């Protein structure tokens, strides 16, 4: 059984390869777009959404570190 964190992480990695996302060069803009437009699990509430926000924040930090 996978956790919400694992699902979110795998999904974000997949979404980062989408052409519409690749065109966004700024990391903050890219992650804002993913966070707001690519949420995969229905209503933005409860535990899955909280985990989604946490994982998006972690990926934003990781991408910024990789850029530097």
N, C-alpha and C. Protein backbone atom coordinates (compact mmCIF):
# COMPACT_ATOMS: atom_id res chain seq x y z
N UNK A 1 0.84 -1.18 0.00
CA UNK A 1 0.00 0.00 0.00
C UNK A 1 0.89 1.25 0.00
N UNK A 2 0.58 2.17 -0.86
CA UNK A 2 1.37 3.40 -0.93
C UNK A 2 0.73 4.48 -0.07
N UNK A 3 1.57 5.40 0.37
CA UNK A 3 1.09 6.51 1.17
C UNK A 3 0.72 7.69 0.26
N UNK A 4 0.00 8.65 0.81
CA UNK A 4 -0.34 9.85 0.05
C UNK A 4 0.93 10.58 -0.37
N UNK A 5 1.94 10.57 0.50
CA UNK A 5 3.21 11.24 0.21
C UNK A 5 3.89 10.58 -1.00
N UNK A 6 3.90 9.26 -1.04
CA UNK A 6 4.51 8.54 -2.16
C UNK A 6 3.75 8.82 -3.45
N UNK A 7 2.43 8.80 -3.36
CA UNK A 7 1.61 9.07 -4.56
C UNK A 7 1.86 10.48 -5.07
N UNK A 8 1.88 11.45 -4.14
CA UNK A 8 2.10 12.84 -4.54
C UNK A 8 3.47 13.00 -5.18
N UNK A 9 4.47 12.40 -4.58
CA UNK A 9 5.83 12.52 -5.09
C UNK A 9 5.94 11.94 -6.50
N UNK A 10 5.40 10.76 -6.70
CA UNK A 10 5.44 10.14 -8.02
C UNK A 10 4.69 10.97 -9.05
N UNK A 11 3.56 11.51 -8.64
CA UNK A 11 2.76 12.31 -9.57
C UNK A 11 3.48 13.60 -9.95
N UNK A 12 4.10 14.26 -8.99
CA UNK A 12 4.83 15.49 -9.28
C UNK A 12 5.99 15.20 -10.23
N UNK A 13 6.70 14.12 -10.02
CA UNK A 13 7.78 13.76 -10.94
C UNK A 13 7.25 13.57 -12.35
N UNK A 14 6.11 12.94 -12.46
CA UNK A 14 5.49 12.72 -13.78
C UNK A 14 5.08 14.07 -14.40
N UNK A 15 4.45 14.93 -13.62
CA UNK A 15 3.97 16.22 -14.11
C UNK A 15 5.12 17.13 -14.53
N UNK A 16 6.25 17.02 -13.86
CA UNK A 16 7.41 17.84 -14.22
C UNK A 16 7.89 17.56 -15.64
N UNK A 17 7.52 16.42 -16.19
CA UNK A 17 7.90 16.06 -17.55
C UNK A 17 6.90 16.52 -18.60
N UNK A 18 5.75 17.02 -18.17
CA UNK A 18 4.74 17.50 -19.12
C UNK A 18 5.27 18.73 -19.86
N UNK A 19 4.91 18.85 -21.12
CA UNK A 19 5.39 19.96 -21.96
C UNK A 19 4.95 21.31 -21.42
N UNK A 20 3.70 21.41 -20.95
CA UNK A 20 3.23 22.70 -20.45
C UNK A 20 4.00 23.13 -19.20
N UNK A 21 4.45 22.18 -18.42
CA UNK A 21 5.22 22.49 -17.21
C UNK A 21 6.68 22.78 -17.57
N UNK A 22 7.23 22.05 -18.51
CA UNK A 22 8.61 22.28 -18.92
C UNK A 22 8.83 23.68 -19.47
N UNK A 23 7.81 24.26 -20.06
CA UNK A 23 7.93 25.60 -20.64
C UNK A 23 8.07 26.69 -19.58
N UNK A 24 7.68 26.40 -18.36
CA UNK A 24 7.77 27.38 -17.27
C UNK A 24 9.19 27.30 -16.69
N UNK A 25 9.96 28.35 -16.85
CA UNK A 25 11.37 28.33 -16.44
C UNK A 25 11.56 28.65 -14.95
N UNK A 26 10.79 29.59 -14.42
CA UNK A 26 10.94 29.99 -13.04
C UNK A 26 10.41 28.88 -12.11
N UNK A 27 11.21 28.48 -11.14
CA UNK A 27 10.85 27.37 -10.25
C UNK A 27 9.61 27.69 -9.43
N UNK A 28 9.53 28.91 -8.89
CA UNK A 28 8.35 29.27 -8.09
C UNK A 28 7.08 29.24 -8.94
N UNK A 29 7.16 29.78 -10.14
CA UNK A 29 6.00 29.76 -11.03
C UNK A 29 5.62 28.33 -11.41
N UNK A 30 6.62 27.52 -11.68
CA UNK A 30 6.39 26.12 -12.04
C UNK A 30 5.68 25.37 -10.92
N UNK A 31 6.19 25.52 -9.71
CA UNK A 31 5.60 24.79 -8.58
C UNK A 31 4.24 25.37 -8.19
N UNK A 32 4.05 26.67 -8.34
CA UNK A 32 2.72 27.26 -8.10
C UNK A 32 1.71 26.68 -9.08
N UNK A 33 2.12 26.58 -10.35
CA UNK A 33 1.24 26.01 -11.37
C UNK A 33 0.89 24.56 -11.04
N UNK A 34 1.89 23.77 -10.70
CA UNK A 34 1.64 22.36 -10.36
C UNK A 34 0.73 22.27 -9.14
N UNK A 35 1.04 23.04 -8.12
CA UNK A 35 0.26 22.99 -6.88
C UNK A 35 -1.20 23.36 -7.12
N UNK A 36 -1.44 24.38 -7.94
CA UNK A 36 -2.80 24.88 -8.13
C UNK A 36 -3.57 24.17 -9.24
N UNK A 37 -2.87 23.80 -10.31
CA UNK A 37 -3.57 23.29 -11.50
C UNK A 37 -3.50 21.77 -11.67
N UNK A 38 -2.59 21.11 -11.02
CA UNK A 38 -2.38 19.69 -11.27
C UNK A 38 -2.76 18.78 -10.11
N UNK A 39 -3.45 19.31 -9.11
CA UNK A 39 -3.87 18.49 -7.97
C UNK A 39 -4.75 17.35 -8.46
N UNK A 40 -4.38 16.10 -8.16
CA UNK A 40 -5.05 14.96 -8.79
C UNK A 40 -6.20 14.31 -8.02
N UNK A 41 -6.52 14.73 -6.80
CA UNK A 41 -7.44 13.93 -5.98
C UNK A 41 -8.71 14.64 -5.56
N UNK A 42 -9.40 15.25 -6.46
CA UNK A 42 -10.72 15.81 -6.15
C UNK A 42 -10.68 17.05 -5.27
N UNK A 43 -11.56 17.09 -4.25
CA UNK A 43 -11.67 18.28 -3.41
C UNK A 43 -10.36 18.60 -2.69
N UNK A 44 -10.08 19.86 -2.60
CA UNK A 44 -8.84 20.31 -1.95
C UNK A 44 -9.09 20.48 -0.46
N UNK A 45 -9.17 19.34 0.21
CA UNK A 45 -9.41 19.36 1.65
C UNK A 45 -8.91 18.05 2.27
N UNK A 46 -8.86 18.04 3.56
CA UNK A 46 -8.48 16.87 4.33
C UNK A 46 -7.02 16.49 4.14
N UNK A 47 -6.69 15.31 4.57
CA UNK A 47 -5.30 14.86 4.62
C UNK A 47 -4.61 14.81 3.26
N UNK A 48 -5.20 14.25 2.22
CA UNK A 48 -4.49 14.22 0.93
C UNK A 48 -4.03 15.59 0.46
N UNK A 49 -4.86 16.60 0.65
CA UNK A 49 -4.48 17.95 0.20
C UNK A 49 -3.36 18.52 1.06
N UNK A 50 -3.39 18.26 2.35
CA UNK A 50 -2.31 18.73 3.23
C UNK A 50 -0.98 18.10 2.82
N UNK A 51 -1.01 16.81 2.52
CA UNK A 51 0.20 16.12 2.08
C UNK A 51 0.66 16.69 0.74
N UNK A 52 -0.26 16.94 -0.17
CA UNK A 52 0.06 17.52 -1.47
C UNK A 52 0.81 18.83 -1.30
N UNK A 53 0.32 19.70 -0.43
CA UNK A 53 0.97 20.99 -0.19
C UNK A 53 2.37 20.81 0.38
N UNK A 54 2.53 19.85 1.30
CA UNK A 54 3.84 19.59 1.89
C UNK A 54 4.83 19.09 0.84
N UNK A 55 4.40 18.16 0.02
CA UNK A 55 5.28 17.59 -1.00
C UNK A 55 5.62 18.65 -2.05
N UNK A 56 4.68 19.48 -2.43
CA UNK A 56 4.97 20.57 -3.38
C UNK A 56 6.03 21.50 -2.80
N UNK A 57 5.92 21.82 -1.54
CA UNK A 57 6.90 22.68 -0.87
C UNK A 57 8.28 22.02 -0.88
N UNK A 58 8.33 20.73 -0.58
CA UNK A 58 9.61 20.01 -0.59
C UNK A 58 10.24 20.01 -1.98
N UNK A 59 9.44 19.77 -3.01
CA UNK A 59 9.97 19.77 -4.38
C UNK A 59 10.45 21.15 -4.80
N UNK A 60 9.76 22.19 -4.37
CA UNK A 60 10.19 23.56 -4.66
C UNK A 60 11.59 23.78 -4.08
N UNK A 61 11.81 23.37 -2.83
CA UNK A 61 13.11 23.53 -2.18
C UNK A 61 14.19 22.70 -2.87
N UNK A 62 13.86 21.48 -3.24
CA UNK A 62 14.80 20.59 -3.93
C UNK A 62 15.21 21.18 -5.27
N UNK A 63 14.24 21.65 -6.05
CA UNK A 63 14.53 22.22 -7.37
C UNK A 63 15.38 23.47 -7.25
N UNK A 64 15.13 24.28 -6.24
CA UNK A 64 15.96 25.48 -6.04
C UNK A 64 17.38 25.11 -5.68
N UNK A 65 17.56 24.10 -4.85
CA UNK A 65 18.92 23.66 -4.50
C UNK A 65 19.64 23.11 -5.72
N UNK A 66 18.94 22.37 -6.55
CA UNK A 66 19.56 21.81 -7.74
C UNK A 66 19.95 22.88 -8.75
N UNK A 67 19.18 23.96 -8.78
CA UNK A 67 19.47 25.04 -9.71
C UNK A 67 20.76 25.79 -9.34
N UNK A 68 21.00 25.90 -8.04
CA UNK A 68 22.20 26.64 -7.57
C UNK A 68 23.43 25.81 -7.65
